[in-house]
Amino acid sequence: MHRVAIALIVGLAAAWSPPPAAAQSGPPDPCATVGIEGLDRLPDDPKGRRYLVRFRDFVRQIAGSGTFRLDTTNAHVVAPFDGMMTVVRAPLDQEVVAAAIVSVQQYGRNVTCPLRATTVQAIEPVSDAAIVPHTRTFDAVPIPDAPMNCERPFVEGSADHSVAVEAPVMAQQQGISGIVTVSVMVDEHGKPSDARIVSSPSSILNAAALAAAKSMTYTPAIYRCAPSPQGRALFHADFMPRRF
């Protein structure tokens, strides 16, 4: 009886083979997934103006570390961040008008990010009570810049037109649908180069989404009134469920 049971188990093990593993995409692009969520003006102190910078991460609950940049019309400051909140202090003579991530250390690598500024609206000062305990404060030295002389000095890159994206046959057969978000690097002429998956409901959709993102034409990002040679634009490929 034991011999029969053992033979049956061996036969089943030999007949069964695990399903092929889905193709794994690389780690999400930290430059696309980590961003500046908000900026609050704190009361000034004798060492200069203070800004509370809040970060977000679409992939993890805690943002990585790195550096960020705050721009005024005639100067900028660069400071490090580590976690979800940082205070930067600098003797600025003007208000901050834009903020951008400069670099991110995440997933075991240090990545220099294309400057993709977040325009900042007029900031009403908030009290020091808004600061989470143990939030670090960094003193930054202003770096002079040429004055900006255009109406919209900071504009994110964007797609010029849309394209229809057909889901792969395997995805249609398995009923896989959803939106794949792709981060695309765009040069100063609007030409896409590097494209990376930011989020996806299934790796089966990734190749089609990347191909569609690279086939687009884009409006280049504008940073301080000039087209950025390394701007970023987000492309969303919407794979609808197949209707029979």
Protein backbone atom coordinates (compact mmCIF):
# COMPACT_ATOMS: atom_id res chain seq x y z
CA MET A 1 0.00 0.00 0.00
CA HIS A 2 2.81 2.39 0.87
CA ARG A 3 4.55 1.58 -2.40
CA VAL A 4 1.37 2.41 -4.35
CA ALA A 5 0.98 5.74 -2.55
CA ILE A 6 4.62 6.66 -3.15
CA ALA A 7 4.34 5.75 -6.83
CA LEU A 8 1.19 7.86 -7.16
CA ILE A 9 2.86 10.88 -5.55
CA VAL A 10 5.93 10.56 -7.76
CA GLY A 11 3.74 10.27 -10.85
CA LEU A 12 1.74 13.38 -9.97
CA ALA A 13 4.92 15.34 -9.25
CA ALA A 14 6.38 14.36 -12.61
CA ALA A 15 3.17 15.29 -14.47
CA TRP A 16 2.76 18.65 -12.78
CA SER A 17 4.83 21.59 -13.86
CA PRO A 18 4.48 25.07 -12.38
CA PRO A 19 3.01 27.78 -14.62
CA PRO A 20 5.58 30.03 -16.28
CA ALA A 21 6.47 32.98 -14.13
CA ALA A 22 5.28 36.34 -15.40
CA ALA A 23 7.99 38.57 -16.73
CA GLN A 24 9.19 40.81 -13.96
CA SER A 25 9.74 44.42 -14.74
CA GLY A 26 12.61 46.30 -13.15
CA PRO A 27 12.17 48.45 -10.05
CA PRO A 28 9.95 51.49 -10.59
CA ASP A 29 11.70 54.67 -11.65
CA PRO A 30 12.25 56.53 -8.35
CA CYS A 31 12.38 59.86 -10.19
CA ALA A 32 8.82 59.26 -11.33
CA THR A 33 7.43 57.71 -8.16
CA VAL A 34 8.90 60.11 -5.56
CA GLY A 35 7.73 63.69 -5.73
CA ILE A 36 7.00 66.84 -3.77
CA GLU A 37 3.52 66.68 -2.30
CA GLY A 38 3.36 70.08 -0.67
CA LEU A 39 5.27 73.12 0.48
CA ASP A 40 4.43 75.25 3.52
CA ARG A 41 5.98 78.52 4.56
CA LEU A 42 7.01 78.61 8.21
CA PRO A 43 7.68 81.76 10.26
CA ASP A 44 11.12 83.15 9.50
CA ASP A 45 13.86 83.03 12.07
CA PRO A 46 17.13 85.03 12.35
CA LYS A 47 18.86 82.64 9.92
CA GLY A 48 16.39 83.12 7.08
CA ARG A 49 13.13 81.94 5.57
CA ARG A 50 11.96 78.45 6.38
CA TYR A 51 9.95 76.08 4.23
CA LEU A 52 8.38 72.78 5.24
CA VAL A 53 8.62 70.35 2.31
CA ARG A 54 6.44 67.23 2.22
CA PHE A 55 7.23 64.30 -0.08
CA ARG A 56 5.20 61.42 -1.45
CA ASP A 57 6.03 58.01 -2.82
CA PHE A 58 3.57 56.12 -5.01
CA VAL A 59 5.40 52.84 -4.39
CA ARG A 60 6.28 52.79 -0.70
CA GLN A 61 4.77 54.30 2.40
CA ILE A 62 7.99 56.12 3.27
CA ALA A 63 9.75 58.21 0.64
CA GLY A 64 13.40 57.58 -0.06
CA SER A 65 16.22 60.00 0.55
CA GLY A 66 17.84 62.39 -1.88
CA THR A 67 18.09 66.08 -2.71
CA PHE A 68 15.54 68.65 -3.79
CA ARG A 69 15.62 72.16 -5.17
CA LEU A 70 13.53 75.25 -4.43
CA ASP A 71 13.47 78.06 -7.00
CA THR A 72 12.80 81.77 -6.66
CA THR A 73 12.80 84.08 -9.67
CA ASN A 74 16.47 84.96 -9.25
CA ALA A 75 18.03 82.19 -7.10
CA HIS A 76 17.65 78.60 -5.95
CA VAL A 77 18.64 76.44 -3.01
CA VAL A 78 19.43 72.72 -2.85
CA ALA A 79 18.97 70.63 0.29
CA PRO A 80 18.82 66.93 1.25
CA PHE A 81 15.72 65.04 2.31
CA ASP A 82 15.23 61.75 4.11
CA GLY A 83 11.72 60.51 4.65
CA MET A 84 8.41 62.27 4.21
CA MET A 85 9.18 65.72 5.61
CA THR A 86 12.08 68.18 5.69
CA VAL A 87 12.57 71.84 6.67
CA VAL A 88 14.93 73.97 4.61
CA ARG A 89 16.11 77.38 5.81
CA ALA A 90 17.87 79.99 3.68
CA PRO A 91 18.32 83.78 3.56
CA LEU A 92 16.15 84.23 0.45
CA ASP A 93 14.98 87.66 -0.65
CA GLN A 94 12.04 86.30 -2.66
CA GLU A 95 9.34 83.67 -2.27
CA VAL A 96 9.76 80.17 -3.67
CA VAL A 97 7.89 79.73 -6.97
CA ALA A 98 8.77 76.12 -7.88
CA ALA A 99 10.13 72.94 -6.33
CA ALA A 100 11.78 69.89 -7.91
CA ILE A 101 13.40 66.58 -6.97
CA VAL A 102 17.10 66.54 -7.96
CA SER A 103 18.16 63.03 -6.95
CA VAL A 104 16.81 59.96 -5.18
CA GLN A 105 18.62 57.19 -3.33
CA GLN A 106 16.31 54.21 -3.45
CA TYR A 107 16.23 50.52 -4.35
CA GLY A 108 19.95 50.29 -3.71
CA ARG A 109 20.91 52.92 -6.26
CA ASN A 110 21.49 56.65 -6.50
CA VAL A 111 19.59 58.23 -9.39
CA THR A 112 19.99 61.76 -10.72
CA CYS A 113 16.53 62.98 -11.70
CA PRO A 114 15.60 65.23 -14.62
CA LEU A 115 14.30 68.49 -13.20
CA ARG A 116 10.51 68.37 -13.44
CA ALA A 117 9.34 71.31 -11.39
CA THR A 118 6.15 71.54 -9.38
CA THR A 119 4.81 75.06 -9.58
CA VAL A 120 4.08 76.50 -6.16
CA GLN A 121 1.16 78.80 -5.54
CA ALA A 122 1.26 81.62 -3.02
CA ILE A 123 2.00 80.07 0.36
CA GLU A 124 0.35 81.26 3.52
CA PRO A 125 2.67 80.85 6.54
CA VAL A 126 1.77 78.04 8.94
CA SER A 127 2.86 77.64 12.54
CA ASP A 128 5.70 75.46 13.76
CA ALA A 129 3.04 73.08 15.06
CA ALA A 130 2.80 71.67 11.50
CA ILE A 131 6.27 70.12 11.88
CA VAL A 132 6.36 66.46 12.82
CA PRO A 133 8.68 65.79 15.78
CA HIS A 134 12.28 64.94 14.81
CA THR A 135 11.91 66.59 11.38
CA ARG A 136 15.37 67.74 10.35
CA THR A 137 16.17 71.33 9.39
CA PHE A 138 18.82 72.05 6.76
CA ASP A 139 20.49 75.39 6.17
CA ALA A 140 20.96 76.13 2.47
CA VAL A 141 22.96 78.83 0.70
CA PRO A 142 21.11 80.61 -2.15
CA ILE A 143 22.66 80.16 -5.60
CA PRO A 144 22.10 83.13 -7.97
CA ASP A 145 20.22 82.54 -11.24
CA ALA A 146 19.45 84.72 -14.23
CA PRO A 147 16.03 86.35 -13.79
CA MET A 148 13.14 84.57 -15.53
CA ASN A 149 11.45 86.62 -18.24
CA CYS A 150 8.61 84.42 -19.52
CA GLU A 151 4.98 84.04 -18.49
CA ARG A 152 5.19 80.30 -17.68
CA PRO A 153 8.74 79.47 -16.55
CA PHE A 154 7.89 75.94 -15.33
CA VAL A 155 5.78 73.56 -17.44
CA GLU A 156 5.73 69.77 -17.23
CA GLY A 157 6.16 67.69 -20.36
CA SER A 158 2.99 66.29 -21.92
CA ALA A 159 1.80 64.10 -24.78
CA ASP A 160 0.82 65.86 -28.02
CA HIS A 161 -1.66 63.21 -29.12
CA SER A 162 -3.20 59.96 -27.97
CA VAL A 163 -2.90 56.50 -29.47
CA ALA A 164 -5.12 53.44 -29.19
CA VAL A 165 -3.49 50.68 -27.17
CA GLU A 166 -4.69 47.14 -27.82
CA ALA A 167 -4.27 44.64 -25.04
CA PRO A 168 -2.13 41.56 -25.80
CA VAL A 169 -4.04 38.40 -26.70
CA MET A 170 -3.02 36.74 -23.44
CA ALA A 171 -4.40 39.68 -21.46
CA GLN A 172 -7.67 39.54 -23.40
CA GLN A 173 -7.99 35.81 -22.81
CA GLN A 174 -7.38 36.21 -19.08
CA GLY A 175 -9.63 39.26 -18.75
CA ILE A 176 -6.77 41.51 -17.63
CA SER A 177 -7.44 45.24 -17.92
CA GLY A 178 -6.53 48.51 -16.23
CA ILE A 179 -4.25 51.51 -16.57
CA VAL A 180 -0.48 51.26 -16.97
CA THR A 181 1.40 54.43 -16.06
CA VAL A 182 4.68 55.02 -17.87
CA SER A 183 7.30 57.65 -17.09
CA VAL A 184 8.93 58.89 -20.31
CA MET A 185 12.09 60.96 -20.60
CA VAL A 186 11.58 63.70 -23.19
CA ASP A 187 14.32 65.85 -24.72
CA GLU A 188 14.13 69.55 -25.61
CA HIS A 189 12.61 68.70 -29.01
CA GLY A 190 9.84 66.57 -27.56
CA LYS A 191 11.42 63.28 -28.60
CA PRO A 192 10.94 60.39 -26.13
CA SER A 193 13.84 58.18 -25.16
CA ASP A 194 13.84 56.19 -21.95
CA ALA A 195 10.45 54.85 -20.80
CA ARG A 196 9.85 53.02 -17.53
CA ILE A 197 6.83 51.47 -15.86
CA VAL A 198 5.58 53.38 -12.83
CA SER A 199 2.56 51.22 -12.04
CA SER A 200 0.76 48.37 -13.77
CA PRO A 201 -2.03 45.91 -12.96
CA SER A 202 -0.13 43.11 -14.75
CA SER A 203 3.29 42.64 -16.32
CA ILE A 204 1.52 41.15 -19.36
CA LEU A 205 0.46 44.69 -20.33
CA ASN A 206 3.86 46.33 -19.84
CA ALA A 207 5.46 45.70 -23.25
CA ALA A 208 2.45 47.11 -25.12
CA ALA A 209 2.32 50.15 -22.82
CA LEU A 210 6.03 50.90 -23.28
CA ALA A 211 5.76 50.59 -27.07
CA ALA A 212 2.79 52.96 -27.13
CA ALA A 213 4.57 55.48 -24.89
CA LYS A 214 7.62 55.52 -27.17
CA SER A 215 5.45 56.02 -30.27
CA MET A 216 3.99 59.25 -28.92
CA THR A 217 5.17 62.77 -29.62
CA TYR A 218 5.52 65.09 -26.65
CA THR A 219 5.69 68.73 -25.71
CA PRO A 220 9.00 69.21 -23.88
CA ALA A 221 9.11 70.27 -20.27
CA ILE A 222 10.00 73.90 -19.59
CA TYR A 223 12.37 74.68 -16.74
CA ARG A 224 13.19 78.31 -16.01
CA CYS A 225 11.81 79.45 -19.38
CA ALA A 226 13.88 77.00 -21.46
CA PRO A 227 13.03 73.55 -22.89
CA SER A 228 14.54 70.90 -20.65
CA PRO A 229 16.82 68.35 -22.38
CA GLN A 230 15.83 65.78 -19.75
CA GLY A 231 12.22 66.43 -18.86
CA ARG A 232 9.71 63.81 -17.81
CA ALA A 233 6.18 63.18 -18.95
CA LEU A 234 3.68 60.60 -17.71
CA PHE A 235 1.84 58.44 -20.24
CA HIS A 236 -1.27 56.49 -19.23
CA ALA A 237 -2.20 53.43 -21.30
CA ASP A 238 -5.79 52.41 -20.62
CA PHE A 239 -6.41 48.76 -21.46
CA MET A 240 -10.16 48.22 -21.49
CA PRO A 241 -11.65 44.76 -20.91
CA ARG A 242 -12.56 42.93 -24.10
CA ARG A 243 -16.23 42.94 -25.00
CA PHE A 244 -17.67 39.84 -26.62
